[in-house]
Amino acid sequence: MALLRFISINTRYHHHQFQILQKPLTFSSSSQTHQPYNTISLSFTYNFLTLRSSSSSSSSSMESPPEGYRRNVGICLINPSKKIFAASRLDIPDSWQMPQGGIDEGEDPRDAAIRELREETGVTSVEVLGEVPYWLTYDFPPDVREKLRHQWGSDWKGQAQKWFLMKLLGNEDEINLLGDGTEKAEFGKWAWMMPEEVVEHAVEFKKSVYEEVLKAFAPHLQ
């Protein structure tokens, strides 16, 4: 028998209350996408509770990112088969990553994630499933830090990221590595990968963050 209960959630800017039908998700035989049981939300666009996972050396529960780190967002985009989108960087041979990008001054991280996904992949038909509720950081290796210091005009230690889990709702034809044309292309190829493949193909200095992200999103990747 299903159990109805109310759960209250506080985010940085809002308080939200959800009525949750505690019953496993089912999958429709006529569709590749799953339909969750009734979830009633008040002025809130997510349909999944903010994710929380155990802390690690790479994470922080602070509302603000650590001093000296560039504010950034990362997007874990999955398809109906729960595989993860990854793309190969044009500037780093044999390096694959999930979409990511900087947060503009005064920009909400969620809005930044949607914008960056559109700019880098052309994808706009998505559903936001959840978010890692703390900042994850990685340090730049010395050579990368020096390169980016000249490129950005700022000497950042590394990046502090807020990560979002999104599901592709549209067709794969929507994916275009030229993006929306507003920014220079960053990727040469793309593929759907299993979580362990995403970590394996990432550059070394991002692996620990990727492991933490995929651990937090694991319930949606199984």
Protein backbone atom coordinates (compact mmCIF):
# COMPACT_ATOMS: atom_id res chain seq x y z
CA MET A 1 0.00 0.00 0.00
CA ALA A 2 1.40 3.42 -0.96
CA LEU A 3 2.09 5.97 1.76
CA LEU A 4 1.46 9.68 1.29
CA ARG A 5 3.65 12.04 3.25
CA PHE A 6 4.77 15.66 3.14
CA ILE A 7 8.43 16.55 2.92
CA SER A 8 9.71 20.09 3.39
CA ILE A 9 12.90 21.21 1.68
CA ASN A 10 14.88 24.38 2.20
CA THR A 11 17.07 25.66 -0.61
CA ARG A 12 19.16 28.78 -0.58
CA TYR A 13 16.34 30.97 -1.82
CA HIS A 14 13.09 29.13 -1.19
CA HIS A 15 11.22 26.80 1.12
CA HIS A 16 9.30 24.06 -0.66
CA GLN A 17 6.84 21.42 0.48
CA PHE A 18 6.18 18.25 -1.49
CA GLN A 19 3.51 15.61 -1.24
CA ILE A 20 5.27 12.37 -2.09
CA LEU A 21 3.61 9.10 -3.04
CA GLN A 22 6.10 6.57 -1.70
CA LYS A 23 5.84 3.85 -4.29
CA PRO A 24 8.47 2.63 -6.79
CA LEU A 25 8.60 4.20 -10.22
CA THR A 26 7.16 2.16 -13.08
CA PHE A 27 8.00 2.21 -16.73
CA SER A 28 5.50 2.35 -19.56
CA SER A 29 5.89 -0.37 -22.16
CA SER A 30 4.87 2.08 -24.88
CA SER A 31 7.43 4.73 -24.01
CA GLN A 32 11.11 5.00 -23.28
CA THR A 33 10.53 7.58 -20.57
CA HIS A 34 9.29 6.80 -17.09
CA GLN A 35 6.28 8.42 -15.50
CA PRO A 36 6.64 9.20 -11.78
CA TYR A 37 3.73 8.82 -9.42
CA ASN A 38 1.85 11.96 -8.48
CA THR A 39 4.12 14.56 -6.93
CA ILE A 40 2.54 17.89 -6.03
CA SER A 41 4.97 20.80 -5.77
CA LEU A 42 4.47 24.42 -4.85
CA SER A 43 6.20 26.96 -7.10
CA PHE A 44 9.07 24.63 -7.82
CA THR A 45 10.28 23.35 -11.17
CA TYR A 46 12.21 20.22 -10.14
CA ASN A 47 10.29 16.95 -9.88
CA PHE A 48 12.99 15.24 -7.87
CA LEU A 49 14.23 15.96 -4.37
CA THR A 50 17.58 17.70 -4.08
CA LEU A 51 20.19 14.99 -3.85
CA ARG A 52 22.52 14.57 -0.91
CA SER A 53 25.43 12.23 -0.54
CA SER A 54 28.16 11.66 2.02
CA SER A 55 30.84 14.32 2.18
CA SER A 56 34.32 13.75 0.83
CA SER A 57 37.57 15.63 0.55
CA SER A 58 36.38 17.17 -2.71
CA SER A 59 33.10 18.55 -1.41
CA SER A 60 31.87 21.30 0.87
CA SER A 61 28.52 22.00 2.47
CA MET A 62 29.10 25.75 2.26
CA GLU A 63 26.54 27.86 0.42
CA SER A 64 29.35 29.86 -1.19
CA PRO A 65 32.28 28.34 -3.08
CA PRO A 66 35.77 28.42 -1.53
CA GLU A 67 37.83 31.55 -2.02
CA GLY A 68 40.02 31.54 -5.12
CA TYR A 69 37.91 29.11 -7.16
CA ARG A 70 35.97 30.04 -10.27
CA ARG A 71 32.21 29.45 -9.94
CA ASN A 72 31.13 26.82 -12.42
CA VAL A 73 28.32 24.40 -13.22
CA GLY A 74 28.41 20.83 -14.48
CA ILE A 75 25.67 18.91 -16.26
CA CYS A 76 25.16 15.15 -16.11
CA LEU A 77 22.83 14.60 -19.07
CA ILE A 78 21.23 11.18 -19.37
CA ASN A 79 19.11 9.53 -22.07
CA PRO A 80 16.08 7.26 -21.51
CA SER A 81 18.49 4.30 -21.25
CA LYS A 82 20.24 6.10 -18.37
CA LYS A 83 23.52 6.45 -20.21
CA ILE A 84 25.51 9.65 -19.76
CA PHE A 85 26.43 12.20 -22.42
CA ALA A 86 30.16 12.81 -22.77
CA ALA A 87 32.15 14.64 -25.43
CA SER A 88 35.81 14.78 -26.45
CA ARG A 89 37.61 18.08 -26.00
CA LEU A 90 39.20 19.66 -29.05
CA ASP A 91 42.06 21.15 -27.00
CA ILE A 92 43.00 18.07 -24.94
CA PRO A 93 43.55 14.89 -27.02
CA ASP A 94 41.72 11.78 -25.79
CA SER A 95 40.00 13.72 -23.02
CA TRP A 96 36.24 13.35 -22.60
CA GLN A 97 34.01 15.23 -20.23
CA MET A 98 30.45 16.12 -19.30
CA PRO A 99 29.27 19.63 -20.24
CA GLN A 100 30.31 22.41 -17.88
CA GLY A 101 30.89 26.15 -17.84
CA GLY A 102 31.27 29.32 -15.81
CA ILE A 103 28.50 31.07 -13.91
CA ASP A 104 27.99 34.69 -14.94
CA GLU A 105 27.86 37.45 -12.34
CA GLY A 106 24.47 37.37 -10.60
CA GLU A 107 23.36 34.27 -12.52
CA ASP A 108 21.52 31.44 -10.77
CA PRO A 109 23.49 28.16 -11.03
CA ARG A 110 20.49 26.26 -12.42
CA ASP A 111 19.99 28.89 -15.14
CA ALA A 112 23.71 28.74 -15.88
CA ALA A 113 23.55 24.96 -16.29
CA ILE A 114 20.69 25.19 -18.79
CA ARG A 115 22.51 27.95 -20.69
CA GLU A 116 25.83 26.10 -20.80
CA LEU A 117 24.18 22.91 -22.02
CA ARG A 118 22.54 24.85 -24.85
CA GLU A 119 25.75 26.71 -25.76
CA GLU A 120 27.93 23.59 -25.80
CA THR A 121 25.58 20.93 -27.18
CA GLY A 122 22.56 22.71 -28.67
CA VAL A 123 20.29 20.73 -26.33
CA THR A 124 17.29 22.56 -24.88
CA SER A 125 14.69 19.79 -24.39
CA VAL A 126 15.60 18.60 -20.90
CA GLU A 127 14.08 17.86 -17.52
CA VAL A 128 16.05 18.80 -14.40
CA LEU A 129 15.98 15.75 -12.14
CA GLY A 130 18.17 16.93 -9.29
CA GLU A 131 21.23 18.70 -8.02
CA VAL A 132 24.21 18.00 -5.81
CA PRO A 133 23.49 20.45 -2.97
CA TYR A 134 27.09 21.43 -2.26
CA TRP A 135 30.06 22.77 -4.21
CA LEU A 136 32.58 20.32 -5.63
CA THR A 137 36.07 21.62 -6.33
CA TYR A 138 39.10 20.60 -8.33
CA ASP A 139 42.49 22.27 -8.68
CA PHE A 140 44.12 23.11 -11.99
CA PRO A 141 47.51 21.50 -12.67
CA PRO A 142 50.21 24.22 -12.90
CA ASP A 143 50.39 24.19 -16.71
CA VAL A 144 46.60 24.37 -17.08
CA ARG A 145 46.39 27.15 -14.47
CA GLU A 146 48.99 29.21 -16.34
CA LYS A 147 47.24 28.70 -19.68
CA LEU A 148 43.87 29.72 -18.26
CA ARG A 149 45.39 32.73 -16.47
CA HIS A 150 46.31 34.15 -19.86
CA GLN A 151 43.00 33.10 -21.41
CA TRP A 152 40.72 34.44 -18.66
CA GLY A 153 42.88 37.23 -17.26
CA SER A 154 42.38 35.85 -13.74
CA ASP A 155 44.51 33.48 -11.68
CA TRP A 156 42.06 30.89 -10.32
CA LYS A 157 43.24 27.94 -8.22
CA GLY A 158 40.63 25.75 -9.87
CA GLN A 159 36.88 25.50 -10.23
CA ALA A 160 34.05 25.14 -7.72
CA GLN A 161 31.11 23.43 -9.36
CA LYS A 162 27.39 22.94 -8.74
CA TRP A 163 26.25 19.79 -10.54
CA PHE A 164 22.82 19.14 -12.07
CA LEU A 165 21.27 15.92 -13.32
CA MET A 166 19.18 16.37 -16.47
CA LYS A 167 17.30 13.99 -18.73
CA LEU A 168 17.12 14.43 -22.50
CA LEU A 169 13.48 14.72 -23.55
CA GLY A 170 13.98 15.42 -27.23
CA ASN A 171 15.53 13.45 -30.06
CA GLU A 172 19.28 12.88 -30.34
CA ASP A 173 19.16 14.97 -33.53
CA GLU A 174 18.98 17.94 -31.18
CA ILE A 175 22.62 17.39 -30.19
CA ASN A 176 24.90 19.73 -32.12
CA LEU A 177 28.49 20.18 -30.97
CA LEU A 178 28.57 23.61 -32.61
CA GLY A 179 26.14 24.55 -29.85
CA ASP A 180 23.79 27.45 -30.37
CA GLY A 181 26.41 29.46 -32.25
CA THR A 182 27.11 31.94 -29.45
CA GLU A 183 30.40 30.38 -28.35
CA LYS A 184 33.39 28.68 -29.96
CA ALA A 185 32.95 24.91 -30.28
CA GLU A 186 34.73 22.92 -27.55
CA PHE A 187 34.01 19.33 -28.54
CA GLY A 188 34.81 17.10 -31.50
CA LYS A 189 32.86 13.89 -30.83
CA TRP A 190 30.17 12.73 -28.43
CA ALA A 191 28.89 9.42 -27.06
CA TRP A 192 26.58 7.89 -24.48
CA MET A 193 28.65 6.22 -21.75
CA MET A 194 28.26 4.16 -18.61
CA PRO A 195 29.34 5.93 -15.39
CA GLU A 196 32.63 4.04 -15.13
CA GLU A 197 33.46 4.97 -18.74
CA VAL A 198 32.88 8.65 -18.01
CA VAL A 199 35.39 8.54 -15.15
CA GLU A 200 37.88 6.44 -17.13
CA HIS A 201 37.97 8.90 -20.06
CA ALA A 202 38.13 12.08 -17.93
CA VAL A 203 41.35 14.03 -17.34
CA GLU A 204 43.07 13.00 -14.12
CA PHE A 205 42.40 16.19 -12.17
CA LYS A 206 38.61 15.88 -12.67
CA LYS A 207 38.24 12.19 -11.82
CA SER A 208 37.55 12.62 -8.09
CA VAL A 209 34.78 15.16 -8.77
CA TYR A 210 33.24 12.89 -11.40
CA GLU A 211 33.26 9.97 -8.96
CA GLU A 212 31.48 12.11 -6.35
CA VAL A 213 28.90 13.39 -8.86
CA LEU A 214 28.09 9.93 -10.17
CA LYS A 215 27.84 8.59 -6.62
CA ALA A 216 25.27 11.29 -5.79
CA PHE A 217 23.26 10.59 -8.95
CA ALA A 218 23.62 6.79 -8.74
CA PRO A 219 19.92 6.11 -7.95
CA HIS A 220 19.00 7.57 -11.36
CA LEU A 221 21.73 5.75 -13.24
CA GLN A 222 20.78 2.18 -12.34
